[in-house]
């Protein structure tokens, strides 16, 4: 609710998802052409002659199995917020209050509710794509021109490892169809796999999110320009395509995703995994420095009037 050459090379590799995430992301290699129960009591037989009225309740047979009680559900997000870093807490609180990750614009509901939210755990690429599309469409629910259409199962998959049967297909394919996620459709010929279970990295988060803030083509950028703007000591480690998004994010000023999610830093660490709390912070607001909408803004809006019967 967390960067492969071709299918032949991907399927021949071994290792964990985290190891795969440290490899060069094929989507970043080419520039584009242009997601309480009481315990049961055992009754003692009454052998006395004078007995009380007989209890007609049936006694379970020894062979009957008693289903265990389900674990208690979290009634609020308080316990979740206790684990969130203090600087990220306001963003996460608003994000969870919106309930964005309980739905995905028509997709099958996912187990990403507040009870499953693990703020300090990495978020996968597939989950973030799911969150990104759902958040964009929730923030712009009244602006059809800014909404992204989830893909239907009849759409030809853009990635070999995300078939129509994949739970995140609608979001991933929809973002690829919209040109938000680099793929062969945007001229990235080597981006034939998506690796949905790999951890999302910082540079990929910025690459996917910034175009939905600026609603414009990414500017030309290089490591020198990023170093001058951000002061990052490791700008040379950022993939060329992501450099353009990082530079565009700088133009968002105090509303930059990097500032909101990662705080002040002189090391971008582009291949570092993103936590769920950081992802929520990045998705807390959509828009440019001068015009945008935040989760806080949405929560202040009056609730819609109930429909008349």
C-alpha atoms as a PDB file:
ATOM      1  CA  UNK A   1       0.000   0.000   0.000  1.00  0.00           C
ATOM      2  CA  UNK A   2      11.043  -0.161  -0.781  1.00  0.00           C
ATOM      3  CA  UNK A   3      18.218  -1.093 -10.164  1.00  0.00           C
ATOM      4  CA  UNK A   4      19.104  -6.026 -15.623  1.00  0.00           C
ATOM      5  CA  UNK A   5      20.221  -6.200 -19.077  1.00  0.00           C
ATOM      6  CA  UNK A   6      17.954  -8.675 -20.747  1.00  0.00           C
ATOM      7  CA  UNK A   7      15.808 -11.588 -19.694  1.00  0.00           C
ATOM      8  CA  UNK A   8      18.560 -14.066 -20.531  1.00  0.00           C
ATOM      9  CA  UNK A   9      21.053 -12.280 -18.325  1.00  0.00           C
ATOM     10  CA  UNK A  10      18.552 -11.672 -15.531  1.00  0.00           C
ATOM     11  CA  UNK A  11      17.498 -15.297 -15.322  1.00  0.00           C
ATOM     12  CA  UNK A  12      21.105 -16.448 -15.191  1.00  0.00           C
ATOM     13  CA  UNK A  13      21.982 -14.246 -12.252  1.00  0.00           C
ATOM     14  CA  UNK A  14      21.797 -15.395  -8.695  1.00  0.00           C
ATOM     15  CA  UNK A  15      21.621 -13.504  -5.465  1.00  0.00           C
ATOM     16  CA  UNK A  16      19.177 -11.628  -3.360  1.00  0.00           C
ATOM     17  CA  UNK A  17      16.942  -8.735  -4.446  1.00  0.00           C
ATOM     18  CA  UNK A  18      19.177  -6.369  -2.531  1.00  0.00           C
ATOM     19  CA  UNK A  19      22.206  -7.575  -4.503  1.00  0.00           C
ATOM     20  CA  UNK A  20      20.304  -7.070  -7.741  1.00  0.00           C
ATOM     21  CA  UNK A  21      19.358  -3.541  -6.680  1.00  0.00           C
ATOM     22  CA  UNK A  22      23.026  -2.587  -6.486  1.00  0.00           C
ATOM     23  CA  UNK A  23      23.529  -3.428 -10.166  1.00  0.00           C
ATOM     24  CA  UNK A  24      23.086  -0.781 -12.819  1.00  0.00           C
ATOM     25  CA  UNK A  25      19.387  -0.273 -13.508  1.00  0.00           C
ATOM     26  CA  UNK A  26      18.715  -0.931 -17.224  1.00  0.00           C
ATOM     27  CA  UNK A  27      15.965   1.659 -17.106  1.00  0.00           C
ATOM     28  CA  UNK A  28      18.601   4.302 -16.402  1.00  0.00           C
ATOM     29  CA  UNK A  29      21.110   3.336 -19.082  1.00  0.00           C
ATOM     30  CA  UNK A  30      19.503   4.907 -22.134  1.00  0.00           C
ATOM     31  CA  UNK A  31      18.032   8.352 -22.372  1.00  0.00           C
ATOM     32  CA  UNK A  32      14.384   8.381 -23.484  1.00  0.00           C
ATOM     33  CA  UNK A  33      13.518   9.522 -26.975  1.00  0.00           C
ATOM     34  CA  UNK A  34      11.111  12.268 -26.169  1.00  0.00           C
ATOM     35  CA  UNK A  35       4.476   3.222 -10.653  1.00  0.00           C
ATOM     36  CA  UNK A  36     -10.755 -10.908  23.602  1.00  0.00           C
ATOM     37  CA  UNK A  37     -12.202 -14.059  24.047  1.00  0.00           C
ATOM     38  CA  UNK A  38     -12.808 -15.768  27.428  1.00  0.00           C
ATOM     39  CA  UNK A  39     -11.084 -19.138  28.017  1.00  0.00           C
ATOM     40  CA  UNK A  40     -13.259 -22.197  27.536  1.00  0.00           C
ATOM     41  CA  UNK A  41     -14.284 -23.852  30.828  1.00  0.00           C
ATOM     42  CA  UNK A  42     -14.671 -27.619  31.076  1.00  0.00           C
ATOM     43  CA  UNK A  43     -17.804 -28.513  32.997  1.00  0.00           C
ATOM     44  CA  UNK A  44     -17.533 -31.059  35.846  1.00  0.00           C
ATOM     45  CA  UNK A  45     -20.304 -33.696  35.738  1.00  0.00           C
ATOM     46  CA  UNK A  46     -22.763 -33.410  38.642  1.00  0.00           C
ATOM     47  CA  UNK A  47     -23.199 -36.870  40.205  1.00  0.00           C
ATOM     48  CA  UNK A  48     -25.447 -35.782  43.039  1.00  0.00           C
ATOM     49  CA  UNK A  49     -29.056 -36.951  43.128  1.00  0.00           C
ATOM     50  CA  UNK A  50     -30.361 -33.382  43.419  1.00  0.00           C
ATOM     51  CA  UNK A  51     -29.224 -31.579  40.359  1.00  0.00           C
ATOM     52  CA  UNK A  52     -29.862 -28.207  38.880  1.00  0.00           C
ATOM     53  CA  UNK A  53     -31.662 -27.901  35.557  1.00  0.00           C
ATOM     54  CA  UNK A  54     -29.834 -29.724  32.860  1.00  0.00           C
ATOM     55  CA  UNK A  55     -27.648 -27.579  30.537  1.00  0.00           C
ATOM     56  CA  UNK A  56     -28.704 -28.466  27.049  1.00  0.00           C
ATOM     57  CA  UNK A  57     -25.683 -26.836  25.415  1.00  0.00           C
ATOM     58  CA  UNK A  58     -23.831 -29.387  23.354  1.00  0.00           C
ATOM     59  CA  UNK A  59     -20.356 -30.269  24.552  1.00  0.00           C
ATOM     60  CA  UNK A  60     -17.706 -30.299  21.802  1.00  0.00           C
ATOM     61  CA  UNK A  61     -16.323 -33.688  20.975  1.00  0.00           C
ATOM     62  CA  UNK A  62     -12.659 -34.254  21.729  1.00  0.00           C
ATOM     63  CA  UNK A  63     -11.971 -34.463  18.005  1.00  0.00           C
ATOM     64  CA  UNK A  64     -13.426 -30.996  17.335  1.00  0.00           C
ATOM     65  CA  UNK A  65     -10.860 -28.295  16.679  1.00  0.00           C
ATOM     66  CA  UNK A  66     -11.283 -24.821  18.067  1.00  0.00           C
ATOM     67  CA  UNK A  67     -10.079 -22.100  15.705  1.00  0.00           C
ATOM     68  CA  UNK A  68      -7.551 -19.778  17.324  1.00  0.00           C
ATOM     69  CA  UNK A  69      -8.614 -16.197  17.886  1.00  0.00           C
ATOM     70  CA  UNK A  70      -7.187 -13.750  15.323  1.00  0.00           C
ATOM     71  CA  UNK A  71      -4.575 -11.297  16.534  1.00  0.00           C
ATOM     72  CA  UNK A  72      -5.987  -7.925  17.599  1.00  0.00           C
ATOM     73  CA  UNK A  73      -6.045  -5.300  14.853  1.00  0.00           C
ATOM     74  CA  UNK A  74      -4.390  -1.956  15.316  1.00  0.00           C
ATOM     75  CA  UNK A  75      -7.142   0.554  16.013  1.00  0.00           C
ATOM     76  CA  UNK A  76      -5.005   3.592  15.257  1.00  0.00           C
ATOM     77  CA  UNK A  77      -1.696   4.526  13.696  1.00  0.00           C
ATOM     78  CA  UNK A  78      -0.193   5.645  17.012  1.00  0.00           C
ATOM     79  CA  UNK A  79       2.017   2.578  17.440  1.00  0.00           C
ATOM     80  CA  UNK A  80       3.167   2.860  13.823  1.00  0.00           C
ATOM     81  CA  UNK A  81       4.082   6.521  14.188  1.00  0.00           C
ATOM     82  CA  UNK A  82       6.181   5.744  17.262  1.00  0.00           C
ATOM     83  CA  UNK A  83       8.622   3.947  14.959  1.00  0.00           C
ATOM     84  CA  UNK A  84       8.792   6.750  12.387  1.00  0.00           C
ATOM     85  CA  UNK A  85      11.785   9.127  12.531  1.00  0.00           C
ATOM     86  CA  UNK A  86      10.638  12.395  14.067  1.00  0.00           C
ATOM     87  CA  UNK A  87      11.290  14.545  10.985  1.00  0.00           C
ATOM     88  CA  UNK A  88       9.195  12.207   8.815  1.00  0.00           C
ATOM     89  CA  UNK A  89       6.350  11.703  11.287  1.00  0.00           C
ATOM     90  CA  UNK A  90       4.067  14.562  10.119  1.00  0.00           C
ATOM     91  CA  UNK A  91       4.277  13.373   6.503  1.00  0.00           C
ATOM     92  CA  UNK A  92       3.602   9.735   7.381  1.00  0.00           C
ATOM     93  CA  UNK A  93       0.720  10.672   9.661  1.00  0.00           C
ATOM     94  CA  UNK A  94      -1.014  12.605   6.879  1.00  0.00           C
ATOM     95  CA  UNK A  95      -0.217   9.891   4.338  1.00  0.00           C
ATOM     96  CA  UNK A  96      -1.814   7.161   6.437  1.00  0.00           C
ATOM     97  CA  UNK A  97      -4.775   9.387   7.300  1.00  0.00           C
ATOM     98  CA  UNK A  98      -5.580   9.747   3.602  1.00  0.00           C
ATOM     99  CA  UNK A  99      -5.883   5.987   3.214  1.00  0.00           C
ATOM    100  CA  UNK A 100      -4.241   6.170  -0.202  1.00  0.00           C
ATOM    101  CA  UNK A 101      -2.555   2.810   0.075  1.00  0.00           C
ATOM    102  CA  UNK A 102      -5.818   1.030   0.832  1.00  0.00           C
ATOM    103  CA  UNK A 103      -6.937   1.468  -2.752  1.00  0.00           C
ATOM    104  CA  UNK A 104      -5.211   1.790  -6.086  1.00  0.00           C
ATOM    105  CA  UNK A 105      -7.620   3.402  -8.471  1.00  0.00           C
ATOM    106  CA  UNK A 106      -9.508   0.263  -9.380  1.00  0.00           C
ATOM    107  CA  UNK A 107      -6.761  -2.227  -8.659  1.00  0.00           C
ATOM    108  CA  UNK A 108      -7.305  -5.135  -6.284  1.00  0.00           C
ATOM    109  CA  UNK A 109      -6.802  -3.880  -2.693  1.00  0.00           C
ATOM    110  CA  UNK A 110      -3.380  -4.695  -1.347  1.00  0.00           C
ATOM    111  CA  UNK A 111      -2.217  -5.564   2.170  1.00  0.00           C
ATOM    112  CA  UNK A 112      -0.641  -2.139   2.632  1.00  0.00           C
ATOM    113  CA  UNK A 113      -2.912  -0.728   5.313  1.00  0.00           C
ATOM    114  CA  UNK A 114      -1.643   0.959   8.462  1.00  0.00           C
ATOM    115  CA  UNK A 115      -1.399  -2.435  10.178  1.00  0.00           C
ATOM    116  CA  UNK A 116       1.107  -3.621   7.563  1.00  0.00           C
ATOM    117  CA  UNK A 117       2.984  -0.332   7.207  1.00  0.00           C
ATOM    118  CA  UNK A 118       6.589  -0.805   8.321  1.00  0.00           C
ATOM    119  CA  UNK A 119       8.160   2.650   8.217  1.00  0.00           C
ATOM    120  CA  UNK A 120      11.790   1.636   8.561  1.00  0.00           C
ATOM    121  CA  UNK A 121      11.680  -1.298   6.155  1.00  0.00           C
ATOM    122  CA  UNK A 122      12.684  -0.958   2.475  1.00  0.00           C
ATOM    123  CA  UNK A 123       9.935  -0.492  -0.075  1.00  0.00           C
ATOM    124  CA  UNK A 124      10.069  -2.535  -3.257  1.00  0.00           C
ATOM    125  CA  UNK A 125       9.938  -1.101  -6.748  1.00  0.00           C
ATOM    126  CA  UNK A 126       6.582  -2.776  -7.357  1.00  0.00           C
ATOM    127  CA  UNK A 127       5.030  -1.428  -4.173  1.00  0.00           C
ATOM    128  CA  UNK A 128       6.255   2.092  -4.854  1.00  0.00           C
ATOM    129  CA  UNK A 129       4.821   2.010  -8.374  1.00  0.00           C
ATOM    130  CA  UNK A 130       1.513   0.952  -6.812  1.00  0.00           C
ATOM    131  CA  UNK A 131       1.686   3.790  -4.262  1.00  0.00           C
ATOM    132  CA  UNK A 132       2.758   6.358  -6.858  1.00  0.00           C
ATOM    133  CA  UNK A 133      -0.139   5.758  -9.225  1.00  0.00           C
ATOM    134  CA  UNK A 134      -2.662   5.540  -6.382  1.00  0.00           C
ATOM    135  CA  UNK A 135      -1.372   8.761  -4.785  1.00  0.00           C
ATOM    136  CA  UNK A 136      -1.329  10.717  -8.041  1.00  0.00           C
ATOM    137  CA  UNK A 137      -4.898   9.741  -8.812  1.00  0.00           C
ATOM    138  CA  UNK A 138      -6.065  10.466  -5.263  1.00  0.00           C
ATOM    139  CA  UNK A 139      -4.450  13.918  -5.227  1.00  0.00           C
ATOM    140  CA  UNK A 140      -5.919  14.739  -8.628  1.00  0.00           C
ATOM    141  CA  UNK A 141      -9.210  12.911  -8.318  1.00  0.00           C
ATOM    142  CA  UNK A 142     -11.041  16.013  -9.568  1.00  0.00           C
ATOM    143  CA  UNK A 143      -8.538  16.793 -12.342  1.00  0.00           C
ATOM    144  CA  UNK A 144      -8.932  14.104 -15.033  1.00  0.00           C
ATOM    145  CA  UNK A 145      -6.164  15.645 -17.159  1.00  0.00           C
ATOM    146  CA  UNK A 146      -3.589  14.837 -14.453  1.00  0.00           C
ATOM    147  CA  UNK A 147      -4.762  11.329 -13.631  1.00  0.00           C
ATOM    148  CA  UNK A 148      -2.932   8.223 -14.861  1.00  0.00           C
ATOM    149  CA  UNK A 149      -4.966   5.348 -16.180  1.00  0.00           C
ATOM    150  CA  UNK A 150      -4.160   1.927 -14.706  1.00  0.00           C
ATOM    151  CA  UNK A 151      -3.552  -0.617 -17.436  1.00  0.00           C
ATOM    152  CA  UNK A 152      -6.039  -3.344 -18.203  1.00  0.00           C
ATOM    153  CA  UNK A 153      -5.152  -7.019 -18.329  1.00  0.00           C
ATOM    154  CA  UNK A 154      -5.480  -7.024 -22.117  1.00  0.00           C
ATOM    155  CA  UNK A 155      -2.537  -4.596 -22.474  1.00  0.00           C
ATOM    156  CA  UNK A 156       0.683  -6.082 -23.853  1.00  0.00           C
ATOM    157  CA  UNK A 157       3.199  -6.096 -20.964  1.00  0.00           C
ATOM    158  CA  UNK A 158       6.054  -3.616 -21.226  1.00  0.00           C
ATOM    159  CA  UNK A 159       8.292  -5.773 -19.021  1.00  0.00           C
ATOM    160  CA  UNK A 160       8.974  -9.488 -19.291  1.00  0.00           C
ATOM    161  CA  UNK A 161       8.863 -10.029 -15.521  1.00  0.00           C
ATOM    162  CA  UNK A 162       5.556  -8.188 -14.957  1.00  0.00           C
ATOM    163  CA  UNK A 163       2.843 -10.195 -16.739  1.00  0.00           C
ATOM    164  CA  UNK A 164      -0.808  -9.227 -16.632  1.00  0.00           C
ATOM    165  CA  UNK A 165      -1.287 -11.650 -13.736  1.00  0.00           C
ATOM    166  CA  UNK A 166       1.160  -9.744 -11.497  1.00  0.00           C
ATOM    167  CA  UNK A 167      -0.589  -7.899  -8.629  1.00  0.00           C
ATOM    168  CA  UNK A 168       1.176  -4.642  -9.544  1.00  0.00           C
ATOM    169  CA  UNK A 169       0.674  -4.957 -13.305  1.00  0.00           C
ATOM    170  CA  UNK A 170      -2.041  -2.295 -13.558  1.00  0.00           C
ATOM    171  CA  UNK A 171       0.145   0.320 -11.857  1.00  0.00           C
ATOM    172  CA  UNK A 172       3.515  -0.579 -13.386  1.00  0.00           C
ATOM    173  CA  UNK A 173       2.120  -0.928 -16.892  1.00  0.00           C
ATOM    174  CA  UNK A 174       0.019   2.208 -16.502  1.00  0.00           C
ATOM    175  CA  UNK A 175       3.056   4.264 -15.477  1.00  0.00           C
ATOM    176  CA  UNK A 176       5.078   2.792 -18.339  1.00  0.00           C
ATOM    177  CA  UNK A 177       2.301   3.582 -20.821  1.00  0.00           C
ATOM    178  CA  UNK A 178       2.298   7.171 -19.525  1.00  0.00           C
ATOM    179  CA  UNK A 179       6.071   7.418 -19.981  1.00  0.00           C
ATOM    180  CA  UNK A 180       6.734   7.895 -16.259  1.00  0.00           C
ATOM    181  CA  UNK A 181       8.641   4.642 -15.841  1.00  0.00           C
ATOM    182  CA  UNK A 182      11.409   4.267 -18.481  1.00  0.00           C
ATOM    183  CA  UNK A 183      10.840   1.321 -20.779  1.00  0.00           C
ATOM    184  CA  UNK A 184      11.240   0.335 -24.409  1.00  0.00           C
ATOM    185  CA  UNK A 185       8.290   2.643 -25.051  1.00  0.00           C
ATOM    186  CA  UNK A 186      10.423   5.649 -24.058  1.00  0.00           C
ATOM    187  CA  UNK A 187      13.408   4.499 -26.085  1.00  0.00           C
ATOM    188  CA  UNK A 188      15.199   2.537 -23.349  1.00  0.00           C
ATOM    189  CA  UNK A 189      15.858  -0.570 -25.415  1.00  0.00           C
ATOM    190  CA  UNK A 190      17.601  -2.429 -22.580  1.00  0.00           C
ATOM    191  CA  UNK A 191      14.761  -1.915 -20.086  1.00  0.00           C
ATOM    192  CA  UNK A 192      13.039  -5.221 -20.786  1.00  0.00           C
ATOM    193  CA  UNK A 193      12.724  -6.204 -17.125  1.00  0.00           C
ATOM    194  CA  UNK A 194      11.332  -4.254 -14.179  1.00  0.00           C
ATOM    195  CA  UNK A 195      12.438  -6.286 -11.097  1.00  0.00           C
ATOM    196  CA  UNK A 196       9.322  -5.479  -9.023  1.00  0.00           C
ATOM    197  CA  UNK A 197      10.648  -7.176  -5.871  1.00  0.00           C
ATOM    198  CA  UNK A 198      13.989  -5.337  -5.837  1.00  0.00           C
ATOM    199  CA  UNK A 199      14.374  -2.512  -3.306  1.00  0.00           C
ATOM    200  CA  UNK A 200      13.580   0.961  -4.597  1.00  0.00           C
ATOM    201  CA  UNK A 201      16.657   3.204  -4.704  1.00  0.00           C
ATOM    202  CA  UNK A 202      16.887   6.935  -4.119  1.00  0.00           C
ATOM    203  CA  UNK A 203      17.720   7.804  -7.704  1.00  0.00           C
ATOM    204  CA  UNK A 204      14.808   5.752  -9.035  1.00  0.00           C
ATOM    205  CA  UNK A 205      12.359   7.351  -6.582  1.00  0.00           C
ATOM    206  CA  UNK A 206      13.349  10.796  -7.864  1.00  0.00           C
ATOM    207  CA  UNK A 207      13.295   9.648 -11.504  1.00  0.00           C
ATOM    208  CA  UNK A 208       9.695   8.406 -11.231  1.00  0.00           C
ATOM    209  CA  UNK A 209       8.266  11.064  -8.925  1.00  0.00           C
ATOM    210  CA  UNK A 210       9.664  14.336 -10.314  1.00  0.00           C
ATOM    211  CA  UNK A 211       7.913  14.134 -13.715  1.00  0.00           C
ATOM    212  CA  UNK A 212       4.600  14.073 -11.830  1.00  0.00           C
ATOM    213  CA  UNK A 213       5.646  17.252 -10.005  1.00  0.00           C
ATOM    214  CA  UNK A 214       6.874  19.263 -12.969  1.00  0.00           C
ATOM    215  CA  UNK A 215       4.510  17.860 -15.643  1.00  0.00           C
ATOM    216  CA  UNK A 216       7.244  18.777 -18.109  1.00  0.00           C
ATOM    217  CA  UNK A 217      10.208  17.223 -19.855  1.00  0.00           C
ATOM    218  CA  UNK A 218      13.244  16.768 -17.625  1.00  0.00           C
ATOM    219  CA  UNK A 219      15.985  19.354 -18.163  1.00  0.00           C
ATOM    220  CA  UNK A 220      19.394  18.522 -19.549  1.00  0.00           C
ATOM    221  CA  UNK A 221      21.727  17.762 -16.668  1.00  0.00           C
ATOM    222  CA  UNK A 222      25.108  16.342 -15.792  1.00  0.00           C
ATOM    223  CA  UNK A 223      27.116  15.537 -12.693  1.00  0.00           C
ATOM    224  CA  UNK A 224      28.774  18.953 -12.626  1.00  0.00           C
ATOM    225  CA  UNK A 225      25.428  20.762 -12.690  1.00  0.00           C
ATOM    226  CA  UNK A 226      24.048  18.554  -9.898  1.00  0.00           C
ATOM    227  CA  UNK A 227      27.168  19.118  -7.784  1.00  0.00           C
ATOM    228  CA  UNK A 228      26.842  22.865  -8.227  1.00  0.00           C
ATOM    229  CA  UNK A 229      23.141  22.867  -7.354  1.00  0.00           C
ATOM    230  CA  UNK A 230      22.957  20.331  -4.552  1.00  0.00           C
ATOM    231  CA  UNK A 231      26.564  20.133  -3.403  1.00  0.00           C
ATOM    232  CA  UNK A 232      26.486  16.340  -3.596  1.00  0.00           C
ATOM    233  CA  UNK A 233      29.950  14.821  -3.291  1.00  0.00           C
ATOM    234  CA  UNK A 234      28.828  11.643  -5.072  1.00  0.00           C
ATOM    235  CA  UNK A 235      26.966  13.155  -8.045  1.00  0.00           C
ATOM    236  CA  UNK A 236      29.213  11.194 -10.419  1.00  0.00           C
ATOM    237  CA  UNK A 237      27.621   7.965  -9.120  1.00  0.00           C
ATOM    238  CA  UNK A 238      24.129   8.994 -10.239  1.00  0.00           C
ATOM    239  CA  UNK A 239      22.981   7.417 -13.504  1.00  0.00           C
ATOM    240  CA  UNK A 240      22.742   9.914 -16.410  1.00  0.00           C
ATOM    241  CA  UNK A 241      18.954   9.772 -16.775  1.00  0.00           C
ATOM    242  CA  UNK A 242      18.415  10.162 -13.029  1.00  0.00           C
ATOM    243  CA  UNK A 243      20.757  13.168 -12.987  1.00  0.00           C
ATOM    244  CA  UNK A 244      18.173  15.105 -14.971  1.00  0.00           C
ATOM    245  CA  UNK A 245      15.438  14.309 -12.433  1.00  0.00           C
ATOM    246  CA  UNK A 246      17.692  15.185  -9.492  1.00  0.00           C
ATOM    247  CA  UNK A 247      18.472  18.545 -11.084  1.00  0.00           C
ATOM    248  CA  UNK A 248      14.781  19.195 -11.779  1.00  0.00           C
ATOM    249  CA  UNK A 249      13.948  18.338  -8.171  1.00  0.00           C
ATOM    250  CA  UNK A 250      16.314  21.076  -7.028  1.00  0.00           C
ATOM    251  CA  UNK A 251      14.104  23.591  -8.807  1.00  0.00           C
ATOM    252  CA  UNK A 252      11.277  22.668  -6.411  1.00  0.00           C
ATOM    253  CA  UNK A 253      13.105  24.534  -3.648  1.00  0.00           C
ATOM    254  CA  UNK A 254      11.892  23.664  -0.160  1.00  0.00           C
ATOM    255  CA  UNK A 255       9.312  21.331  -1.708  1.00  0.00           C
ATOM    256  CA  UNK A 256      11.982  19.130  -3.276  1.00  0.00           C
ATOM    257  CA  UNK A 257      11.403  15.416  -2.715  1.00  0.00           C
ATOM    258  CA  UNK A 258      15.050  14.947  -1.748  1.00  0.00           C
ATOM    259  CA  UNK A 259      14.844  17.544   1.028  1.00  0.00           C
ATOM    260  CA  UNK A 260      11.540  16.220   2.336  1.00  0.00           C
ATOM    261  CA  UNK A 261      12.424  12.521   2.285  1.00  0.00           C
ATOM    262  CA  UNK A 262      16.154  12.535   3.056  1.00  0.00           C
ATOM    263  CA  UNK A 263      16.796  15.846   4.814  1.00  0.00           C
ATOM    264  CA  UNK A 264      19.945  17.884   4.417  1.00  0.00           C
ATOM    265  CA  UNK A 265      22.803  15.828   3.019  1.00  0.00           C
ATOM    266  CA  UNK A 266      25.927  16.299   0.944  1.00  0.00           C
ATOM    267  CA  UNK A 267      25.829  12.612  -0.050  1.00  0.00           C
ATOM    268  CA  UNK A 268      22.901  11.572  -2.204  1.00  0.00           C
ATOM    269  CA  UNK A 269      23.799   7.850  -2.059  1.00  0.00           C
ATOM    270  CA  UNK A 270      21.823   7.146  -5.252  1.00  0.00           C
ATOM    271  CA  UNK A 271      21.824   3.355  -4.857  1.00  0.00           C
ATOM    272  CA  UNK A 272      20.715   3.352  -1.221  1.00  0.00           C
ATOM    273  CA  UNK A 273      17.372   1.700  -0.527  1.00  0.00           C
ATOM    274  CA  UNK A 274      14.350   3.848   0.315  1.00  0.00           C
ATOM    275  CA  UNK A 275      12.296   3.120   3.432  1.00  0.00           C
ATOM    276  CA  UNK A 276       8.511   3.090   3.479  1.00  0.00           C
ATOM    277  CA  UNK A 277       8.498   6.238   5.619  1.00  0.00           C
ATOM    278  CA  UNK A 278      10.748   8.048   3.135  1.00  0.00           C
ATOM    279  CA  UNK A 279       8.526   6.946   0.260  1.00  0.00           C
ATOM    280  CA  UNK A 280       5.458   8.271   2.072  1.00  0.00           C
ATOM    281  CA  UNK A 281       7.233  11.594   2.661  1.00  0.00           C
ATOM    282  CA  UNK A 282       8.062  11.910  -1.038  1.00  0.00           C
ATOM    283  CA  UNK A 283       4.436  11.215  -1.956  1.00  0.00           C
ATOM    284  CA  UNK A 284       3.114  13.676   0.634  1.00  0.00           C
ATOM    285  CA  UNK A 285       3.051  16.434  -1.992  1.00  0.00           C
ATOM    286  CA  UNK A 286       2.734  16.741  -5.755  1.00  0.00           C
ATOM    287  CA  UNK A 287       3.582  19.910  -7.638  1.00  0.00           C
ATOM    288  CA  UNK A 288       6.196  22.545  -8.327  1.00  0.00           C
ATOM    289  CA  UNK A 289       7.681  25.153  -6.017  1.00  0.00           C
ATOM    290  CA  UNK A 290       4.928  27.654  -6.831  1.00  0.00           C
ATOM    291  CA  UNK A 291       1.914  25.390  -7.325  1.00  0.00           C
ATOM    292  CA  UNK A 292       1.061  22.065  -5.765  1.00  0.00           C
ATOM    293  CA  UNK A 293      -1.134  20.072  -3.430  1.00  0.00           C
ATOM    294  CA  UNK A 294      -0.188  18.167  -0.288  1.00  0.00           C
ATOM    295  CA  UNK A 295      -1.770  15.462   1.817  1.00  0.00           C
ATOM    296  CA  UNK A 296      -2.339  18.104   4.476  1.00  0.00           C
ATOM    297  CA  UNK A 297      -4.324  20.164   1.972  1.00  0.00           C
ATOM    298  CA  UNK A 298      -6.485  17.180   1.092  1.00  0.00           C
ATOM    299  CA  UNK A 299      -7.220  16.415   4.729  1.00  0.00           C
ATOM    300  CA  UNK A 300      -8.417  19.997   5.267  1.00  0.00           C
ATOM    301  CA  UNK A 301     -10.947  19.746   2.478  1.00  0.00           C
ATOM    302  CA  UNK A 302     -14.543  19.257   3.647  1.00  0.00           C
ATOM    303  CA  UNK A 303     -15.855  15.736   3.418  1.00  0.00           C
ATOM    304  CA  UNK A 304     -18.245  15.182   0.491  1.00  0.00           C
ATOM    305  CA  UNK A 305     -21.930  15.245   1.350  1.00  0.00           C
ATOM    306  CA  UNK A 306     -23.522  11.794   1.598  1.00  0.00           C
ATOM    307  CA  UNK A 307     -25.512  10.787  -1.450  1.00  0.00           C
ATOM    308  CA  UNK A 308     -29.232  11.154  -1.249  1.00  0.00           C
ATOM    309  CA  UNK A 309     -31.090   7.837  -1.013  1.00  0.00           C
END
